[in-house]
Amino acid sequence: MAQNVYECLFILDSNRYAREPGIISDKITEIIEKAGGEVLASRLWVEQKLAYPIDGHHKGTYWLSYFRLEGPQMPVFTRACKLEENIVRHMVIKLDPRLADVMVSYAIDGSMPADGGDDAPAADADGGDESGEVEVPDAVATDAVTTDVAGEKE
């Protein structure tokens, strides 16, 4: 069966992450691999105050992961995330296959791939081509799945 590439943004318990950053980041990798997935990129994004309290947490550590996983295994992954006490909340997005490589490479080293191809128009300083138009892909990401506190899909 074909595997999809997913992006997952985790909000982690900041206090626990501050005490044990290595253990918690390894736990995220373990959850993905136990579900049958392959981690493509996983890194700390930011730590900041939450817009509203979640389960008594006022501050969260945001962790961004990209991974490859078969679609039918997603409920296994979601259940493991809900049971993990260090994960306050998570959101998974199935990436468009045309953008998966670009997003993963940007997450790994923070730069966009330079191989735009010979047929790609030359971009000027504001990101548009010589005509002044900016090309936007039809679909950037699809199949966003979020869950509320009760675990129901929104």
Protein backbone atom coordinates (compact mmCIF):
# COMPACT_ATOMS: atom_id res chain seq x y z
CA MET A 1 0.00 0.00 0.00
CA ALA A 2 1.24 3.51 -0.78
CA GLN A 3 2.53 5.55 2.09
CA ASN A 4 1.56 9.18 2.57
CA VAL A 5 3.72 11.97 3.92
CA TYR A 6 2.26 13.75 6.95
CA GLU A 7 3.16 16.87 8.88
CA CYS A 8 2.35 16.83 12.57
CA LEU A 9 2.57 19.75 14.94
CA PHE A 10 2.71 18.70 18.57
CA ILE A 11 2.16 20.96 21.56
CA LEU A 12 4.23 19.46 24.35
CA ASP A 13 4.20 20.06 28.09
CA SER A 14 6.85 22.79 28.45
CA ASN A 15 7.82 21.87 32.00
CA ARG A 16 8.49 18.23 31.16
CA TYR A 17 10.29 19.14 27.94
CA ALA A 18 12.57 21.54 29.86
CA ARG A 19 13.53 18.73 32.26
CA GLU A 20 13.91 15.91 29.70
CA PRO A 21 14.17 17.23 26.11
CA GLY A 22 15.94 14.17 24.72
CA ILE A 23 13.53 11.67 26.23
CA ILE A 24 10.44 13.48 24.98
CA SER A 25 11.78 13.97 21.44
CA ASP A 26 12.73 10.28 21.33
CA LYS A 27 9.21 9.41 22.49
CA ILE A 28 7.72 11.20 19.46
CA THR A 29 9.98 9.22 17.13
CA GLU A 30 9.02 6.02 18.96
CA ILE A 31 5.28 6.73 18.55
CA ILE A 32 5.71 7.24 14.80
CA GLU A 33 7.83 4.12 14.36
CA LYS A 34 5.51 1.92 16.46
CA ALA A 35 2.65 2.93 14.16
CA GLY A 36 4.72 1.66 11.23
CA GLY A 37 5.96 5.04 10.07
CA GLU A 38 9.31 6.48 9.05
CA VAL A 39 10.45 9.82 10.48
CA LEU A 40 11.66 12.17 7.74
CA ALA A 41 12.32 15.25 9.89
CA SER A 42 11.59 16.12 13.50
CA ARG A 43 12.61 19.27 15.32
CA LEU A 44 11.78 21.85 17.94
CA TRP A 45 9.84 24.74 16.47
CA VAL A 46 9.16 27.25 19.24
CA GLU A 47 8.19 27.57 22.89
CA GLN A 48 5.56 30.17 23.66
CA LYS A 49 2.53 31.15 25.70
CA LEU A 50 -0.67 29.45 24.55
CA ALA A 51 -3.57 31.59 23.30
CA TYR A 52 -5.79 29.92 25.89
CA PRO A 53 -5.13 27.36 28.64
CA ILE A 54 -5.23 23.69 27.57
CA ASP A 55 -5.65 21.23 30.45
CA GLY A 56 -4.14 23.79 32.84
CA HIS A 57 -1.12 24.51 30.60
CA HIS A 58 -0.44 28.16 29.83
CA LYS A 59 2.79 27.62 27.91
CA GLY A 60 3.60 25.04 25.25
CA THR A 61 6.58 23.67 23.37
CA TYR A 62 5.78 23.27 19.69
CA TRP A 63 7.45 20.31 17.97
CA LEU A 64 7.22 19.79 14.20
CA SER A 65 7.56 16.34 12.61
CA TYR A 66 7.32 15.03 9.07
CA PHE A 67 6.83 11.32 8.59
CA ARG A 68 5.76 8.69 6.09
CA LEU A 69 2.92 6.38 7.15
CA GLU A 70 0.28 4.21 5.54
CA GLY A 71 -3.19 5.76 5.78
CA PRO A 72 -4.84 2.86 7.66
CA GLN A 73 -2.23 3.21 10.43
CA MET A 74 -3.24 6.80 11.25
CA PRO A 75 -5.74 5.77 13.99
CA VAL A 76 -2.93 3.83 15.73
CA PHE A 77 -0.75 6.95 15.63
CA THR A 78 -3.57 9.22 16.84
CA ARG A 79 -4.42 6.93 19.74
CA ALA A 80 -0.78 6.75 20.84
CA CYS A 81 -0.57 10.56 20.79
CA LYS A 82 -3.70 10.88 22.94
CA LEU A 83 -2.32 8.40 25.47
CA GLU A 84 1.11 10.06 25.71
CA GLU A 85 1.05 12.35 28.76
CA ASN A 86 3.76 14.68 27.39
CA ILE A 87 1.66 15.60 24.33
CA VAL A 88 -0.88 18.28 25.20
CA ARG A 89 -2.37 18.50 21.69
CA HIS A 90 -1.44 17.51 18.14
CA MET A 91 -2.58 18.24 14.60
CA VAL A 92 -1.82 16.10 11.55
CA ILE A 93 -1.92 17.24 7.94
CA LYS A 94 -1.53 14.95 4.93
CA LEU A 95 0.87 16.73 2.59
CA ASP A 96 0.34 17.06 -1.12
CA PRO A 97 2.90 14.72 -2.75
CA ARG A 98 4.12 17.61 -4.95
CA LEU A 99 5.18 19.57 -1.87
CA ALA A 100 6.39 16.82 0.45
CA ASP A 101 10.07 16.91 -0.56
CA VAL A 102 10.23 20.72 -0.38
CA MET A 103 8.60 20.86 3.05
CA VAL A 104 10.82 18.12 4.48
CA SER A 105 14.03 19.67 3.13
CA TYR A 106 13.02 23.04 4.55
CA ALA A 107 12.33 21.45 7.96
CA ILE A 108 15.71 19.74 7.96
CA ASP A 109 18.02 22.60 7.00
CA GLY A 110 15.83 25.71 6.81
CA SER A 111 16.42 26.37 3.11
CA MET A 112 14.40 25.74 0.00
CA PRO A 113 15.83 23.44 -2.70
CA ALA A 114 17.62 25.42 -5.38
CA ASP A 115 16.67 23.15 -8.29
CA GLY A 116 13.68 25.03 -9.68
CA GLY A 117 14.26 23.41 -13.07
CA ASP A 118 15.09 24.98 -16.42
CA ASP A 119 11.47 25.72 -17.25
CA ALA A 120 10.81 27.63 -14.01
CA PRO A 121 10.49 31.40 -14.48
CA ALA A 122 13.17 33.56 -12.93
CA ALA A 123 11.98 35.04 -9.66
CA ASP A 124 12.72 38.61 -8.72
CA ALA A 125 13.33 39.94 -5.22
CA ASP A 126 9.65 39.95 -4.19
CA GLY A 127 9.15 36.26 -5.07
CA GLY A 128 7.23 36.85 -8.29
CA ASP A 129 8.37 36.16 -11.84
CA GLU A 130 9.33 38.88 -14.32
CA SER A 131 5.66 39.62 -15.11
CA GLY A 132 5.04 40.50 -11.45
CA GLU A 133 2.71 37.55 -10.84
CA VAL A 134 3.25 35.05 -8.06
CA GLU A 135 2.40 31.43 -8.82
CA VAL A 136 0.41 29.64 -6.13
CA PRO A 137 -0.06 25.85 -6.24
CA ASP A 138 -3.65 24.56 -6.52
CA ALA A 139 -3.53 22.56 -3.30
CA VAL A 140 -0.91 23.16 -0.67
CA ALA A 141 -2.06 20.65 1.93
CA THR A 142 -5.04 18.36 2.20
CA ASP A 143 -6.90 16.25 4.71
CA ALA A 144 -6.30 18.25 7.89
CA VAL A 145 -7.50 16.35 10.92
CA THR A 146 -7.84 17.96 14.31
CA THR A 147 -9.29 16.59 17.48
CA ASP A 148 -10.86 18.44 20.35
CA VAL A 149 -10.36 17.65 24.02
CA ALA A 150 -13.03 14.93 23.95
CA GLY A 151 -11.24 13.24 21.05
CA GLU A 152 -13.96 13.91 18.48
CA LYS A 153 -13.03 14.99 14.96
CA GLU A 154 -13.89 18.59 14.14
